[in-house]
Structure formats: structure tokens, C-alpha cells
Protein backbone atom coordinates (compact mmCIF):
# COMPACT_ATOMS: atom_id res chain seq x y z
CA MET A 1 19.27 15.42 -46.88
CA ALA A 2 15.73 16.71 -44.98
CA LYS A 3 14.18 14.50 -42.69
CA ALA A 4 11.16 12.81 -44.43
CA ASP A 5 7.75 13.62 -42.99
CA ARG A 6 5.68 10.60 -42.05
CA CYS A 7 1.56 10.09 -40.68
CA VAL A 8 1.99 7.60 -38.32
CA VAL A 9 -0.89 5.67 -36.00
CA ARG A 10 -0.70 3.34 -33.48
CA ASN A 11 -3.02 0.96 -31.59
CA ALA A 12 -2.71 0.10 -27.77
CA ALA A 13 -4.91 -2.08 -26.07
CA TYR A 14 -5.98 -1.90 -22.37
CA LYS A 15 -7.32 -3.77 -19.08
CA LYS A 16 -10.21 -1.98 -17.07
CA SER A 17 -7.58 -0.72 -13.94
CA GLU A 18 -6.11 1.33 -16.97
CA PHE A 19 -9.48 3.50 -17.31
CA SER A 20 -7.75 5.73 -15.00
CA ILE A 21 -3.97 6.12 -16.11
CA ARG A 22 -5.25 6.80 -19.87
CA GLU A 23 -7.84 8.85 -18.20
CA ARG A 24 -5.27 11.38 -16.44
CA HIS A 25 -2.75 11.86 -19.55
CA ASN A 26 -5.24 12.56 -22.21
CA GLU A 27 -8.03 14.61 -20.03
CA ARG A 28 -5.12 16.88 -18.19
CA MET A 29 -6.05 15.86 -14.91
CA ASN A 30 -2.92 15.64 -13.03
CA GLU A 31 -2.17 18.79 -11.14
CA SER A 32 1.65 18.49 -12.72
CA TYR A 33 3.79 15.71 -14.80
CA HIS A 34 6.77 13.63 -14.64
CA ASN A 35 7.09 14.92 -18.31
CA GLY A 36 8.39 18.03 -18.08
CA ASP A 37 7.70 18.92 -21.70
CA ILE A 38 4.10 18.78 -20.83
CA ASP A 39 2.73 22.68 -20.64
CA LEU A 40 -0.21 23.02 -18.84
CA SER A 41 -0.35 26.73 -19.40
CA ARG A 42 -1.53 25.71 -22.98
CA SER A 43 -4.34 22.99 -22.23
CA HIS A 44 -6.67 25.11 -22.83
CA LEU A 45 -5.69 24.96 -26.22
CA ASN A 46 -6.32 20.89 -26.66
CA VAL A 47 -9.05 20.39 -28.82
CA TYR A 48 -11.97 18.15 -28.67
CA PHE A 49 -13.68 16.27 -31.21
CA LYS A 50 -15.52 14.11 -28.64
CA GLN A 51 -15.27 14.72 -24.92
CA PRO A 52 -16.10 12.55 -22.14
CA GLU A 53 -19.63 12.43 -20.60
CA GLY A 54 -18.17 11.52 -17.15
CA ASN A 55 -15.10 9.39 -16.89
CA TYR A 56 -14.05 6.72 -18.69
CA SER A 57 -14.97 3.95 -16.32
CA GLU A 58 -18.47 5.23 -15.72
CA MET A 59 -19.12 5.90 -19.40
CA PHE A 60 -17.87 2.35 -20.03
CA GLU A 61 -20.44 0.81 -17.27
CA LYS A 62 -23.43 2.89 -19.05
CA MET A 63 -22.68 1.59 -21.95
CA LEU A 64 -22.89 -1.78 -20.33
CA ALA A 65 -25.90 -1.10 -18.67
CA ASP A 66 -27.31 0.33 -22.29
CA GLY A 67 -26.79 -3.02 -23.79
CA THR A 68 -24.56 -0.64 -26.14
CA ILE A 69 -21.43 -3.64 -25.69
CA SER A 70 -21.30 -6.64 -24.32
CA THR A 71 -19.26 -8.63 -22.11
CA LYS A 72 -19.76 -11.85 -22.18
CA GLY A 73 -17.00 -14.38 -22.92
CA GLN A 74 -14.21 -11.84 -21.29
CA LYS A 75 -12.77 -13.78 -18.40
CA LYS A 76 -13.43 -12.21 -15.12
CA ASP A 77 -10.12 -11.66 -13.52
CA GLY A 78 -9.44 -8.43 -14.91
CA SER A 79 -6.86 -9.36 -17.54
CA ALA A 80 -9.29 -8.73 -20.12
CA LYS A 81 -8.31 -5.49 -22.47
CA VAL A 82 -11.44 -3.57 -22.59
CA PHE A 83 -10.52 -0.69 -24.29
CA ASP A 84 -7.84 1.05 -26.89
CA GLU A 85 -6.14 4.02 -27.72
CA LEU A 86 -5.64 5.20 -31.37
CA VAL A 87 -2.94 7.45 -31.75
CA PHE A 88 -2.29 9.81 -35.43
CA ASP A 89 0.40 11.64 -35.59
CA VAL A 90 2.69 13.29 -38.07
CA ASN A 91 5.96 14.63 -37.02
CA THR A 92 6.27 18.25 -35.37
CA GLU A 93 8.10 19.88 -38.57
CA TYR A 94 5.28 18.71 -40.27
CA PHE A 95 2.59 20.66 -38.62
CA ASP A 96 5.66 23.64 -37.98
CA ARG A 97 6.04 24.08 -42.05
CA ASN A 98 2.14 24.04 -42.76
CA GLY A 99 0.85 26.54 -40.53
CA GLY A 100 1.06 24.61 -37.27
CA TYR A 101 -2.13 25.02 -34.86
CA ASP A 102 -4.61 25.74 -37.42
CA TYR A 103 -3.87 23.59 -39.88
CA ALA A 104 -3.03 21.00 -37.09
CA LYS A 105 -6.92 21.26 -35.74
CA SER A 106 -8.23 20.84 -39.54
CA PHE A 107 -6.41 18.10 -39.99
CA PHE A 108 -6.93 15.65 -36.89
CA GLU A 109 -10.44 17.03 -37.60
CA GLU A 110 -9.94 14.57 -40.48
CA ALA A 111 -8.35 11.79 -38.85
CA TYR A 112 -11.19 11.70 -36.64
CA GLY A 113 -13.82 11.03 -39.02
CA MET A 114 -11.69 8.22 -40.28
CA ALA A 115 -11.27 6.95 -36.73
CA VAL A 116 -15.06 6.95 -36.25
CA HIS A 117 -14.97 4.67 -39.02
CA GLU A 118 -12.41 2.30 -38.36
CA VAL A 119 -13.84 1.93 -34.45
CA GLY A 120 -17.64 1.22 -35.71
CA GLY A 121 -19.00 4.19 -34.89
CA GLU A 122 -18.67 7.39 -32.43
CA GLU A 123 -20.96 5.81 -30.21
CA TYR A 124 -17.90 3.44 -29.25
CA VAL A 125 -15.29 6.47 -28.32
CA LEU A 126 -15.40 7.43 -25.16
CA SER A 127 -12.58 10.48 -26.10
CA ALA A 128 -10.79 12.23 -28.78
CA VAL A 129 -8.42 14.94 -28.33
CA MET A 130 -6.03 16.38 -29.98
CA HIS A 131 -3.33 17.54 -27.70
CA ALA A 132 -1.09 21.06 -28.28
CA ASP A 133 0.42 21.57 -25.21
CA GLU A 134 3.50 19.44 -25.51
CA ARG A 135 6.39 21.05 -26.16
CA ASN A 136 9.05 19.30 -28.84
CA LYS A 137 11.90 20.43 -26.81
CA ALA A 138 14.82 19.23 -29.30
CA LEU A 139 12.83 21.65 -32.25
CA SER A 140 12.73 24.95 -30.13
CA GLU A 141 16.34 24.92 -28.88
CA GLU A 142 17.36 24.01 -32.78
CA LEU A 143 14.85 27.11 -34.01
CA GLY A 144 15.08 29.43 -30.90
CA ARG A 145 11.37 29.32 -30.03
CA ASP A 146 8.37 27.15 -28.79
CA VAL A 147 7.24 24.60 -31.10
CA TYR A 148 4.38 22.24 -30.18
CA HIS A 149 3.77 18.75 -31.19
CA TYR A 150 0.31 18.04 -32.26
CA HIS A 151 -1.42 14.39 -32.32
CA LEU A 152 -4.26 13.22 -31.78
CA HIS A 153 -5.69 10.49 -29.08
CA VAL A 154 -8.76 8.48 -29.53
CA THR A 155 -10.27 6.36 -27.19
CA TYR A 156 -12.29 3.60 -27.72
CA VAL A 157 -14.24 0.42 -27.07
CA PRO A 158 -13.46 -2.48 -29.53
CA VAL A 159 -16.11 -3.71 -30.67
CA VAL A 160 -17.21 -7.03 -32.83
CA ASP A 161 -20.72 -8.39 -33.99
CA LYS A 162 -20.96 -11.73 -32.34
CA GLU A 163 -23.92 -14.20 -33.32
CA VAL A 164 -25.85 -15.58 -30.72
CA TYR A 165 -27.53 -18.75 -31.00
CA PHE A 166 -30.42 -20.94 -29.24
CA SER A 167 -28.84 -23.91 -27.67
CA LYS A 168 -29.60 -26.84 -30.09
CA ASP A 169 -31.89 -28.89 -27.55
CA ASN A 170 -33.94 -25.38 -26.85
CA LYS A 171 -37.82 -26.73 -26.09
CA ASP A 172 -39.22 -24.74 -28.94
CA PRO A 173 -38.30 -26.61 -31.88
CA GLU A 174 -38.46 -23.73 -34.16
CA LYS A 175 -36.00 -21.71 -32.19
CA ALA A 176 -33.41 -24.96 -31.25
CA GLY A 177 -30.08 -24.04 -33.06
CA LYS A 178 -31.50 -20.89 -34.46
CA LEU A 179 -30.16 -17.16 -34.58
CA ARG A 180 -31.13 -15.49 -31.30
CA GLU A 181 -29.26 -12.28 -31.25
CA ILE A 182 -26.11 -10.17 -32.06
CA ILE A 183 -24.71 -8.38 -29.79
CA LYS A 184 -21.78 -6.18 -30.07
CA GLN A 185 -18.78 -7.74 -28.00
CA VAL A 186 -16.08 -6.33 -26.46
CA SER A 187 -12.88 -7.95 -28.03
CA HIS A 188 -9.54 -6.30 -28.80
CA CYS A 189 -7.92 -9.75 -30.18
CA LYS A 190 -11.29 -10.35 -32.51
CA LYS A 191 -11.76 -6.54 -32.94
CA TRP A 192 -7.67 -6.37 -34.57
CA PRO A 193 -6.82 -10.44 -35.45
CA ARG A 194 -3.07 -11.23 -36.21
CA PHE A 195 -2.82 -12.50 -39.88
CA LYS A 196 0.09 -13.88 -41.35
CA ASP A 197 1.85 -12.69 -44.70
CA ASP A 198 5.27 -12.98 -46.56
CA ASN A 199 7.04 -11.47 -43.50
CA GLY A 200 5.31 -13.31 -40.83
CA TRP A 201 2.43 -13.02 -38.45
CA VAL A 202 1.27 -8.82 -38.84
CA ASN A 203 -1.33 -7.11 -36.87
CA SER A 204 -4.24 -6.03 -38.34
CA TYR A 205 -3.86 -2.95 -36.80
CA SER A 206 -0.65 -2.38 -38.67
CA LEU A 207 -2.45 -2.02 -42.12
CA LEU A 208 -4.09 1.43 -40.48
CA GLN A 209 -0.75 3.18 -41.93
CA ASP A 210 -2.05 2.57 -45.28
CA ARG A 211 -5.36 3.19 -44.42
CA TYR A 212 -4.31 6.40 -42.78
CA HIS A 213 -1.87 7.80 -45.86
CA ASP A 214 -4.40 7.22 -48.73
CA HIS A 215 -7.77 8.51 -46.55
CA MET A 216 -5.65 11.95 -45.73
CA LYS A 217 -4.17 12.19 -49.22
CA GLN A 218 -7.62 11.97 -50.27
CA ALA A 219 -8.71 14.43 -48.04
CA GLY A 220 -6.32 16.88 -49.81
CA PHE A 221 -3.43 16.76 -47.39
CA THR A 222 -0.01 16.03 -48.45
CA GLY A 223 3.42 16.79 -48.12
CA PHE A 224 4.30 13.41 -45.96
CA GLU A 225 4.75 10.05 -46.60
CA ARG A 226 3.33 6.71 -45.45
CA GLY A 227 4.30 5.55 -42.07
CA GLU A 228 6.29 2.24 -41.95
CA ARG A 229 4.23 -0.66 -40.72
CA GLY A 230 5.27 -1.45 -37.28
CA SER A 231 7.33 1.60 -37.69
CA THR A 232 9.62 2.99 -34.74
CA ALA A 233 9.34 6.84 -35.73
CA GLU A 234 10.89 8.78 -32.98
CA HIS A 235 7.94 10.78 -31.94
CA LEU A 236 5.89 7.67 -31.31
CA GLU A 237 8.60 5.96 -29.37
CA THR A 238 8.41 9.22 -26.96
CA LEU A 239 4.93 8.72 -26.60
CA ASP A 240 5.01 5.33 -25.76
CA TYR A 241 7.72 5.91 -23.26
CA LYS A 242 5.77 8.78 -21.94
CA ILE A 243 2.95 5.85 -21.53
CA GLN A 244 5.25 3.88 -19.76
CA GLN A 245 6.65 6.16 -17.17
CA ASP A 246 2.80 7.30 -16.80
CA ARG A 247 2.20 3.30 -15.55
CA LYS A 248 5.41 3.29 -13.19
CA ARG A 249 4.48 6.90 -11.40
CA ALA A 250 1.63 5.47 -10.87
CA ALA A 251 2.92 2.33 -9.52
CA GLU A 252 5.11 4.20 -7.54
CA LEU A 253 3.03 6.53 -6.40
CA ASP A 254 0.55 3.18 -5.14
CA THR A 255 3.96 2.14 -3.29
CA ALA A 256 4.81 5.48 -1.99
CA ILE A 257 0.99 5.84 -0.92
CA LYS A 258 0.65 2.29 0.99
CA GLY A 259 4.15 3.38 2.81
CA LYS A 260 2.81 6.72 4.02
CA GLU A 261 -0.61 5.03 5.28
CA GLN A 262 1.86 2.02 7.23
CA ALA A 263 3.64 5.46 8.31
CA ALA A 264 0.84 7.13 9.28
CA SER A 265 -0.81 3.59 11.37
CA LYS A 266 2.73 3.80 13.35
CA LEU A 267 2.43 7.46 14.37
CA ASP A 268 -0.93 6.77 15.14
CA THR A 269 -0.39 4.31 17.20
CA GLN A 270 2.79 6.13 19.09
CA ALA A 271 0.43 9.41 19.29
CA ASP A 272 -2.17 6.85 21.41
CA LYS A 273 0.60 5.78 23.65
CA LYS A 274 1.97 9.57 23.85
CA LYS A 275 -1.61 11.01 24.75
CA LYS A 276 -2.05 7.78 27.73
CA HIS A 277 0.91 8.72 29.04
CA LEU A 278 0.64 12.44 28.65
CA THR A 279 -3.61 11.54 30.90
CA GLU A 280 -1.20 9.61 33.29
CA LEU A 281 1.16 12.46 33.74
CA THR A 282 -2.52 14.94 33.81
CA GLN A 283 -3.79 12.90 36.69
CA LYS A 284 -0.78 12.69 38.46
CA THR A 285 -0.40 16.33 38.26
CA ALA A 286 -4.09 17.03 39.53
CA VAL A 287 -3.49 14.99 42.07
CA ALA A 288 -0.47 16.45 43.30
CA GLU A 289 -1.81 20.20 42.94
CA LYS A 290 -4.41 19.10 44.86
CA VAL A 291 -3.08 17.90 48.16
CA VAL A 292 -0.07 21.31 47.74
CA ALA A 293 -3.36 23.34 47.44
CA GLU A 294 -4.93 21.58 50.73
CA ILE A 295 -1.80 22.16 52.75
CA GLU A 296 -1.43 25.52 51.54
CA GLU A 297 -5.06 26.15 52.92
CA ILE A 298 -4.37 24.43 55.99
CA GLU A 299 -1.34 26.72 56.63
CA LYS A 300 -3.31 29.62 55.89
CA MET A 301 -5.86 28.72 58.53
CA GLY A 302 -3.45 29.71 61.10
CA ASN A 303 -2.75 33.08 60.38
CA LYS A 304 -6.36 33.62 61.28
CA ARG A 305 -5.58 34.14 65.17
CA THR A 306 -7.89 36.27 67.78
CA MET A 307 -6.28 38.87 70.28
CA PHE A 308 -5.83 36.43 72.86
CA GLY A 309 -3.56 33.97 70.69
CA GLY A 310 -5.99 31.60 69.55
CA VAL A 311 -6.72 30.89 65.62
CA THR A 312 -10.67 31.19 64.11
CA LEU A 313 -11.67 28.53 61.85
CA SER A 314 -14.97 28.28 60.20
CA ALA A 315 -17.23 25.24 60.30
CA ASP A 316 -16.07 24.15 56.95
CA PHE A 317 -12.46 24.34 57.63
CA TRP A 318 -12.85 22.81 61.07
CA THR A 319 -14.41 19.88 59.27
CA LYS A 320 -12.25 19.28 56.90
CA VAL A 321 -9.22 19.69 59.43
CA LEU A 322 -10.92 17.10 61.53
CA ASN A 323 -11.33 14.75 58.49
CA LEU A 324 -7.73 15.34 57.67
CA ALA A 325 -6.62 14.46 61.20
CA LYS A 326 -8.87 10.95 61.06
CA GLU A 327 -7.11 9.82 58.05
CA ALA A 328 -3.57 11.31 59.37
CA LEU A 329 -5.04 8.53 62.49
CA ASN A 330 -5.98 5.88 60.48
CA SER A 331 -2.56 6.01 57.57
CA ARG A 332 -0.71 5.75 61.06
CA SER A 333 -1.96 1.94 61.56
CA ILE A 334 -2.26 1.08 58.32
CA ILE A 335 1.54 2.19 58.20
CA SER A 336 2.34 0.61 61.40
CA VAL A 337 1.13 -2.77 60.04
CA LEU A 338 2.91 -2.35 56.77
CA ARG A 339 5.75 -1.84 58.49
CA LYS A 340 5.58 -4.84 60.65
CA LYS A 341 4.85 -7.00 57.68
CA VAL A 342 8.01 -5.31 55.89
CA ASN A 343 9.60 -6.15 58.94
CA ASP A 344 8.61 -9.93 59.12
CA SER A 345 9.56 -10.18 55.56
CA ASP A 346 13.18 -8.88 55.85
CA LYS A 347 13.21 -11.73 58.90
CA LYS A 348 12.05 -14.18 56.65
CA VAL A 349 14.57 -13.59 53.71
CA THR A 350 17.81 -13.31 56.14
CA GLU A 351 16.69 -16.80 57.10
CA LEU A 352 16.74 -17.97 54.04
CA GLU A 353 19.46 -16.66 53.04
CA ARG A 354 21.26 -18.26 56.55
CA LYS A 355 19.80 -21.97 55.56
CA LEU A 356 20.80 -21.45 51.34
CA LYS A 357 24.53 -20.69 52.40
CA ALA A 358 24.31 -23.38 55.33
CA LYS A 359 23.00 -26.22 52.78
CA GLU A 360 25.79 -24.87 50.14
CA ALA A 361 28.54 -25.58 52.89
CA LYS A 362 27.63 -29.18 53.31
CA LYS A 363 27.68 -29.97 49.19
CA PRO A 364 30.88 -31.88 48.35
CA GLY A 365 33.73 -30.11 47.23
CA ILE A 366 35.51 -30.15 44.00
CA THR A 367 38.29 -33.03 45.68
CA ASP A 368 35.29 -35.23 46.80
CA THR A 369 33.57 -35.07 43.41
CA MET A 370 37.03 -35.97 41.70
CA ARG A 371 37.56 -39.11 44.27
CA TYR A 372 34.18 -40.48 43.22
CA TYR A 373 34.58 -40.30 39.56
CA GLU A 374 37.93 -41.75 39.65
CA ALA A 375 36.29 -44.54 41.62
CA ARG A 376 33.71 -45.06 39.12
CA LEU A 377 36.27 -45.30 36.59
CA ARG A 378 38.57 -47.66 38.19
CA ALA A 379 35.90 -50.00 39.81
CA PRO A 380 32.59 -49.18 38.12
CA HIS A 381 30.75 -52.58 38.88
CA ARG A 382 32.01 -53.19 42.53
CA LEU A 383 30.53 -48.93 43.10
CA ALA A 384 27.04 -49.71 41.43
CA GLU A 385 27.08 -52.73 43.75
CA THR A 386 27.92 -50.80 46.93
CA ILE A 387 25.79 -48.15 46.14
CA ALA A 388 22.42 -50.67 45.53
CA ASP A 389 23.21 -51.88 48.61
CA ILE A 390 23.23 -49.14 50.54
CA MET A 391 20.16 -47.96 48.76
CA GLN A 392 18.23 -50.93 50.33
CA LYS A 393 19.16 -50.51 53.86
CA PRO A 394 18.06 -48.07 56.39
CA PRO A 395 20.14 -45.33 57.29
CA GLU A 396 23.36 -45.44 59.61
CA GLN A 397 23.24 -44.17 63.04
CA LYS A 398 25.74 -42.41 65.11
CA LYS A 399 26.03 -43.96 68.61
CA HIS A 400 28.60 -42.97 71.10
CA GLY A 401 31.46 -41.98 68.67
CA GLN A 402 30.82 -44.92 66.22
CA ILE A 403 28.92 -45.25 63.14
CA THR A 404 26.54 -48.23 62.92
CA SER A 405 25.06 -50.27 60.39
CA GLU A 406 22.40 -53.14 60.38
CA ARG A 407 25.31 -55.13 60.48
CA GLY A 408 27.37 -53.04 63.08
CA ARG A 409 30.62 -53.74 60.94
CA PHE A 410 31.78 -50.36 60.18
CA SER A 411 33.01 -48.33 63.15
CA GLU A 412 34.04 -44.02 62.85
CA ARG A 413 38.04 -43.69 63.09
């Protein structure tokens, strides 16, 4: 049994931060697409029923500035949904059987007229374009020829009439509590409110399926069935998938760009270090080259001999030789002083090493240390009293082979 042709319309809401993502997809602004079914060589065949005047964001801001729309009452954190997109569609086989590209143009021109009515006027439409450059891979392989999937994107700002009243405590009693103005408030949820029927909660734009079907039939287009409410028709699933992939791709690109910026910053730091090192090497090389050049120049002076074996020098060369000789003599005295300082330092280091070894030799050995700890374990109180007594008396003095304390009680054996 052949698959039934169905007309389907889907509405999606987006935040202000998503203007660029939808614009780049709809207006074919990318040089390449993650979706390989888009054939950019056919993008010139895409049909505009309303072409953007500038980019989406600029158009939105101009509408705000002109008072065409108002964002009063919206959250300021960027989470508000400020623009919507209607996608009108019928499966690919329907257009392929009924005349292809030309038939699709007339079909979606009529669908665009319905869209203008649904959104409240063409002044709220940012862009309306029929895509004719997306190849249906499965059907193309089945039929053995390229077959393209036609569908219509209508990007618009959802608005509702919002009554604004004067405050009840207004100083002018004739105005207090009365209607001040009616503004076109940007609001997706008020434009498409949810309601409850026998099957549960339903988004009001799902009824577009009915209105879309009836409108197109009355306009003379036949041969398709009404799309199911909340339809998940295959071609729209594919379209939603492409939108999700575009969002995912944008996030990945943003992450990749940040990574490349960090890598570039790191490379810049490394390059600065390399540049500094190169500058230092260049300076050292220049100094060395200058010294070599001066030595070569001095050596050449000796080759200019007179017939009597003497050496002839120009006044400049003679001045240079004198200056170098003076520098050499000054350097000798400086070197001599530095050598003396180095020798003195070496002697001090040797003396300090000798003293250190002598002190280490006087330290109690492991055996003496062990005896101390054994005594401490055997008689801690007596040892503590003895140490306290010793610390209170003057140091012992050695006289004529004896060691005496203040009381003269101990003798060296």
C-alpha cells in the first residue's frame, strides 16, 4: 500500500541568542553544512516570498525602535522566546508527482498567504523562503535520479494585543484606571497558549494542522491528507534533527574557537619568549662579531710595513691601538684584584670546611648517645636532678691533671 501524502505545519520558538543560527540555516549563509543533503549549487533556486532587510537581529531591533513591537514584561536575562518559525511541508513524493519545482512554488506562495494571516500581518515577518536545495537521498536512490524536498520557512515575531492602563492613583482623575494604549507585545506563550481538551493539554498551534489542510484544499490544492495533531512525520523529524544538529554544531564551533584562542595565546607567549631569546643571541653575536672584526683589523695593521721594517699607522688606527692598550692595562689591574678576591674566598671556604669537620669530630658518638638514653630510662629523676645541678653551677676547670668543680669533689682518673 502506497504511503499517504500528508500536509504538515510545525511551529518552533527561539531566544534572541538563536537569531544567527536560524538565519545562517534559512538564508544559506554558511559555506558548507553538516547536513550533506544540502546542495548549495541549487540555492539560487530557493524562492523568497519575503526577503530580509538586513539580518534578523537588526530587523528585530528596528521594529522595537519604530514601536511596531514591544518587549515590555519580558525577562531581561535572555531566556525569553522572542521569535518563532513556521515550517510548512508536504512529503517529497507529493510534489514530485504533481509537477515538482513550479508546483511547489505556487503551493507555498498560497501557504505564505495563510502564514501572514496567522501571524497577524506581514510587518511581523522577518523572512519567508522556500528551500529547493535539499536533496531527498532515499527517494533519489529509489528513483535513480535527484529528487529535492520542497518546504517553506516563515520566520516571524509572535505578537499579541496588550492593553496598557493608567494607574488607579493617577493625578488626573479622568485618566486613572483607564486604557492608556494597546501595544503589540512580543510573547510566544500568549500567541500560542496551551489549552486542555479530552486528550489532555494541547499547544494551540497544533490546530494549524486543521487550518493548513482546509486552507490549501479551498485554494484548489488536493491529493493530500490532514496532518495528525502533534505529527511526527518523517520529513519533519528530519528537519527538526537538522535544526538540532545546527545548534549542536554551533556549540561545538564555539568550544573549538575558544580552544583555538587559548592555543593561540599560548603560542603567542612562546613566540615572545623565542623572540626575546633570539634578540639576546643577536646582541651577543653582534658583540662577538665586533670583537673579531677589531682583532682582524689590528692584525692587518702589522702588514703595512715600511722598507726599513717599521709599521705605518694612520692617526685613527694609532688612536685605536692606544685606547686598546689602555683598556688592556686597566683590565689587568681589575683581573688582578678579582683574582685576589677569589683566592681569599677560597681560603675562607677551606678554613670553614676545616672548622666544620673539627666540630663534627667533637660531637658525641652513637655509643655515648645510647648510654645517655639508657641512663634516662634507668633513673630519669636522678638524671634530671644532676643536669639541673650542673646547669646552676659554673663550668669545670682543668688544673694539673684534675677536673674540679666549685666544690672540688671530682678528679680526672
